[in-house]
């Protein structure tokens, strides 16, 4: 509900497996997410943030970023805005 109120056109849960690594990439949408399980490291503009349950992150449309997931993987709820 919060994501839709903020303008998200798509809302979904993303599950990532243990130790997954996603090299730098972009998306054709903006992202607003809430981590609900596990641990991940998000790298944007040369800075890496460690995120766990309760942490939020945002990405602008086409913002380059990389992702690395912990030994239990991770789940986050994400709202996407085209």
N, C-alpha and C. Protein backbone atom coordinates (compact mmCIF):
# COMPACT_ATOMS: atom_id res chain seq x y z
N UNK A 1 0.83 -1.19 0.00
CA UNK A 1 0.00 0.00 0.00
C UNK A 1 0.87 1.25 0.00
N UNK A 2 1.91 1.25 0.84
CA UNK A 2 2.82 2.40 0.90
C UNK A 2 3.49 2.66 -0.44
N UNK A 3 3.96 1.60 -1.09
CA UNK A 3 4.64 1.74 -2.38
C UNK A 3 3.69 2.27 -3.44
N UNK A 4 2.48 1.75 -3.47
CA UNK A 4 1.49 2.22 -4.45
C UNK A 4 1.16 3.69 -4.22
N UNK A 5 1.03 4.08 -2.95
CA UNK A 5 0.75 5.48 -2.63
C UNK A 5 1.88 6.40 -3.07
N UNK A 6 3.10 5.87 -3.10
CA UNK A 6 4.27 6.65 -3.51
C UNK A 6 4.46 6.64 -5.03
N UNK A 7 3.55 6.00 -5.76
CA UNK A 7 3.62 6.02 -7.21
C UNK A 7 4.15 4.76 -7.87
N UNK A 8 4.37 3.70 -7.11
CA UNK A 8 4.88 2.45 -7.70
C UNK A 8 3.85 1.88 -8.68
N UNK A 9 4.32 1.47 -9.84
CA UNK A 9 3.46 0.84 -10.83
C UNK A 9 3.49 -0.68 -10.72
N UNK A 10 4.46 -1.19 -9.97
CA UNK A 10 4.60 -2.64 -9.75
C UNK A 10 5.15 -2.86 -8.35
N UNK A 11 4.59 -3.82 -7.62
CA UNK A 11 5.06 -4.15 -6.27
C UNK A 11 5.22 -5.66 -6.20
N UNK A 12 6.40 -6.12 -5.74
CA UNK A 12 6.63 -7.55 -5.67
C UNK A 12 7.68 -7.89 -4.61
N UNK A 13 7.75 -9.16 -4.29
CA UNK A 13 8.79 -9.68 -3.38
C UNK A 13 9.89 -10.28 -4.24
N UNK A 14 11.14 -9.95 -3.93
CA UNK A 14 12.29 -10.52 -4.63
C UNK A 14 13.05 -11.41 -3.66
N UNK A 15 13.24 -12.66 -4.02
CA UNK A 15 14.00 -13.62 -3.22
C UNK A 15 15.31 -13.91 -3.92
N UNK A 16 16.41 -13.83 -3.18
CA UNK A 16 17.73 -14.08 -3.74
C UNK A 16 18.39 -15.24 -3.00
N UNK A 17 19.06 -16.13 -3.73
CA UNK A 17 19.70 -17.29 -3.10
C UNK A 17 20.98 -16.89 -2.35
N UNK A 18 21.42 -17.81 -1.52
CA UNK A 18 22.64 -17.61 -0.73
C UNK A 18 23.82 -17.28 -1.64
N UNK A 19 24.58 -16.29 -1.22
CA UNK A 19 25.85 -15.91 -1.84
C UNK A 19 25.75 -15.47 -3.30
N UNK A 20 24.57 -15.08 -3.75
CA UNK A 20 24.42 -14.60 -5.13
C UNK A 20 25.17 -13.27 -5.29
N UNK A 21 25.76 -13.10 -6.45
CA UNK A 21 26.47 -11.86 -6.78
C UNK A 21 25.91 -11.36 -8.11
N UNK A 22 25.45 -10.12 -8.11
CA UNK A 22 24.92 -9.50 -9.32
C UNK A 22 25.86 -8.34 -9.65
N UNK A 23 26.59 -8.47 -10.74
CA UNK A 23 27.55 -7.43 -11.14
C UNK A 23 26.82 -6.13 -11.46
N UNK A 24 27.58 -5.06 -11.61
CA UNK A 24 26.97 -3.75 -11.84
C UNK A 24 26.03 -3.79 -13.04
N UNK A 25 24.86 -3.17 -12.84
CA UNK A 25 23.82 -3.13 -13.86
C UNK A 25 22.89 -1.96 -13.58
N UNK A 26 21.92 -1.74 -14.44
CA UNK A 26 20.90 -0.70 -14.24
C UNK A 26 19.53 -1.31 -14.50
N UNK A 27 18.49 -0.55 -14.15
CA UNK A 27 17.11 -0.95 -14.42
C UNK A 27 16.39 0.21 -15.11
N UNK A 28 15.42 -0.10 -15.98
CA UNK A 28 14.65 0.96 -16.63
C UNK A 28 13.49 1.44 -15.76
N UNK A 29 13.69 1.47 -14.45
CA UNK A 29 12.68 1.92 -13.50
C UNK A 29 13.38 2.35 -12.22
N UNK A 30 12.69 3.15 -11.41
CA UNK A 30 13.18 3.52 -10.08
C UNK A 30 12.72 2.47 -9.08
N UNK A 31 13.46 2.33 -7.98
CA UNK A 31 13.20 1.28 -6.99
C UNK A 31 13.11 1.88 -5.59
N UNK A 32 12.16 1.38 -4.81
CA UNK A 32 12.09 1.66 -3.38
C UNK A 32 11.83 0.32 -2.71
N UNK A 33 12.74 -0.12 -1.82
CA UNK A 33 12.64 -1.48 -1.29
C UNK A 33 12.83 -1.54 0.22
N UNK A 34 12.26 -2.58 0.81
CA UNK A 34 12.38 -2.88 2.23
C UNK A 34 12.90 -4.30 2.38
N UNK A 35 14.05 -4.47 3.02
CA UNK A 35 14.61 -5.80 3.25
C UNK A 35 13.82 -6.46 4.38
N UNK A 36 13.36 -7.70 4.14
CA UNK A 36 12.56 -8.40 5.15
C UNK A 36 13.22 -9.69 5.66
N UNK A 37 14.27 -10.15 4.96
CA UNK A 37 14.96 -11.37 5.39
C UNK A 37 16.37 -11.36 4.84
N UNK A 38 17.31 -11.84 5.64
CA UNK A 38 18.67 -12.05 5.16
C UNK A 38 19.52 -10.80 5.18
N UNK A 39 20.55 -10.84 4.35
CA UNK A 39 21.57 -9.79 4.34
C UNK A 39 22.03 -9.57 2.91
N UNK A 40 22.28 -8.29 2.57
CA UNK A 40 22.83 -7.99 1.27
C UNK A 40 23.72 -6.76 1.36
N UNK A 41 24.60 -6.65 0.38
CA UNK A 41 25.47 -5.49 0.25
C UNK A 41 25.14 -4.86 -1.09
N UNK A 42 24.80 -3.58 -1.05
CA UNK A 42 24.42 -2.82 -2.24
C UNK A 42 25.50 -1.78 -2.51
N UNK A 43 26.08 -1.80 -3.70
CA UNK A 43 27.13 -0.85 -4.06
C UNK A 43 26.60 0.12 -5.10
N UNK A 44 26.66 1.41 -4.77
CA UNK A 44 26.24 2.49 -5.67
C UNK A 44 27.27 3.60 -5.56
N UNK A 45 27.68 4.15 -6.70
CA UNK A 45 28.61 5.27 -6.73
C UNK A 45 29.87 5.01 -5.89
N UNK A 46 30.38 3.78 -5.95
CA UNK A 46 31.60 3.43 -5.25
C UNK A 46 31.46 3.20 -3.76
N UNK A 47 30.23 3.29 -3.23
CA UNK A 47 30.02 3.07 -1.80
C UNK A 47 29.14 1.84 -1.59
N UNK A 48 29.53 1.01 -0.62
CA UNK A 48 28.80 -0.21 -0.33
C UNK A 48 28.10 -0.09 1.01
N UNK A 49 26.82 -0.45 1.01
CA UNK A 49 26.01 -0.46 2.23
C UNK A 49 25.61 -1.88 2.56
N UNK A 50 25.74 -2.25 3.84
CA UNK A 50 25.24 -3.53 4.31
C UNK A 50 23.81 -3.33 4.76
N UNK A 51 22.91 -4.19 4.28
CA UNK A 51 21.49 -4.06 4.58
C UNK A 51 20.94 -5.36 5.16
N UNK A 52 20.04 -5.24 6.12
CA UNK A 52 19.39 -6.39 6.72
C UNK A 52 17.93 -6.08 6.98
N UNK A 53 17.21 -7.00 7.63
CA UNK A 53 15.79 -6.80 7.87
C UNK A 53 15.49 -5.45 8.52
N UNK A 54 14.51 -4.76 7.91
CA UNK A 54 14.11 -3.44 8.39
C UNK A 54 14.78 -2.29 7.66
N UNK A 55 15.86 -2.58 6.94
CA UNK A 55 16.55 -1.52 6.19
C UNK A 55 15.84 -1.28 4.86
N UNK A 56 15.91 -0.03 4.43
CA UNK A 56 15.31 0.37 3.15
C UNK A 56 16.40 0.89 2.22
N UNK A 57 16.14 0.77 0.93
CA UNK A 57 17.04 1.39 -0.06
C UNK A 57 16.22 1.86 -1.26
N UNK A 58 16.78 2.85 -1.94
CA UNK A 58 16.16 3.38 -3.15
C UNK A 58 17.21 3.46 -4.25
N UNK A 59 16.75 3.35 -5.46
CA UNK A 59 17.59 3.52 -6.64
C UNK A 59 16.81 4.36 -7.64
N UNK A 60 17.49 5.29 -8.27
CA UNK A 60 16.83 6.07 -9.31
C UNK A 60 16.81 5.28 -10.62
N UNK A 61 15.98 5.72 -11.53
CA UNK A 61 15.90 5.12 -12.87
C UNK A 61 17.31 5.08 -13.48
N UNK A 62 17.74 3.93 -13.93
CA UNK A 62 19.03 3.72 -14.62
C UNK A 62 20.26 3.96 -13.74
N UNK A 63 20.11 3.92 -12.41
CA UNK A 63 21.26 4.11 -11.52
C UNK A 63 22.13 2.85 -11.49
N UNK A 64 23.40 2.94 -11.87
CA UNK A 64 24.28 1.77 -11.82
C UNK A 64 24.46 1.28 -10.37
N UNK A 65 24.39 -0.04 -10.19
CA UNK A 65 24.56 -0.62 -8.86
C UNK A 65 24.93 -2.09 -8.99
N UNK A 66 25.51 -2.64 -7.91
CA UNK A 66 25.84 -4.06 -7.84
C UNK A 66 25.28 -4.60 -6.53
N UNK A 67 25.02 -5.90 -6.50
CA UNK A 67 24.42 -6.53 -5.32
C UNK A 67 25.19 -7.80 -4.96
N UNK A 68 25.31 -8.03 -3.66
CA UNK A 68 25.92 -9.28 -3.16
C UNK A 68 25.07 -9.73 -1.98
N UNK A 69 24.71 -11.01 -1.95
CA UNK A 69 23.81 -11.54 -0.93
C UNK A 69 24.54 -12.43 0.05
N UNK A 70 24.06 -12.47 1.28
CA UNK A 70 24.69 -13.20 2.36
C UNK A 70 24.48 -14.70 2.29
N UNK A 71 24.99 -15.42 3.29
CA UNK A 71 24.96 -16.89 3.30
C UNK A 71 23.55 -17.47 3.41
N UNK A 72 22.56 -16.68 3.79
CA UNK A 72 21.17 -17.15 3.85
C UNK A 72 20.35 -16.57 2.70
N UNK A 73 20.99 -15.83 1.79
CA UNK A 73 20.24 -15.15 0.75
C UNK A 73 19.51 -13.96 1.35
N UNK A 74 18.52 -13.45 0.66
CA UNK A 74 17.76 -12.31 1.15
C UNK A 74 16.43 -12.20 0.42
N UNK A 75 15.50 -11.53 1.07
CA UNK A 75 14.21 -11.19 0.47
C UNK A 75 13.96 -9.72 0.73
N UNK A 76 13.49 -9.02 -0.30
CA UNK A 76 13.03 -7.65 -0.07
C UNK A 76 11.75 -7.42 -0.85
N UNK A 77 10.92 -6.53 -0.30
CA UNK A 77 9.70 -6.10 -0.98
C UNK A 77 10.08 -4.84 -1.74
N UNK A 78 9.68 -4.76 -2.99
CA UNK A 78 10.11 -3.66 -3.84
C UNK A 78 8.95 -3.04 -4.61
N UNK A 79 8.95 -1.72 -4.64
CA UNK A 79 8.03 -0.97 -5.49
C UNK A 79 8.84 -0.40 -6.64
N UNK A 80 8.36 -0.57 -7.85
CA UNK A 80 9.04 -0.08 -9.03
C UNK A 80 8.20 1.02 -9.68
N UNK A 81 8.87 2.08 -10.10
CA UNK A 81 8.21 3.19 -10.81
C UNK A 81 8.85 3.34 -12.19
N UNK A 82 8.05 3.19 -13.22
CA UNK A 82 8.56 3.32 -14.59
C UNK A 82 8.91 4.75 -14.92
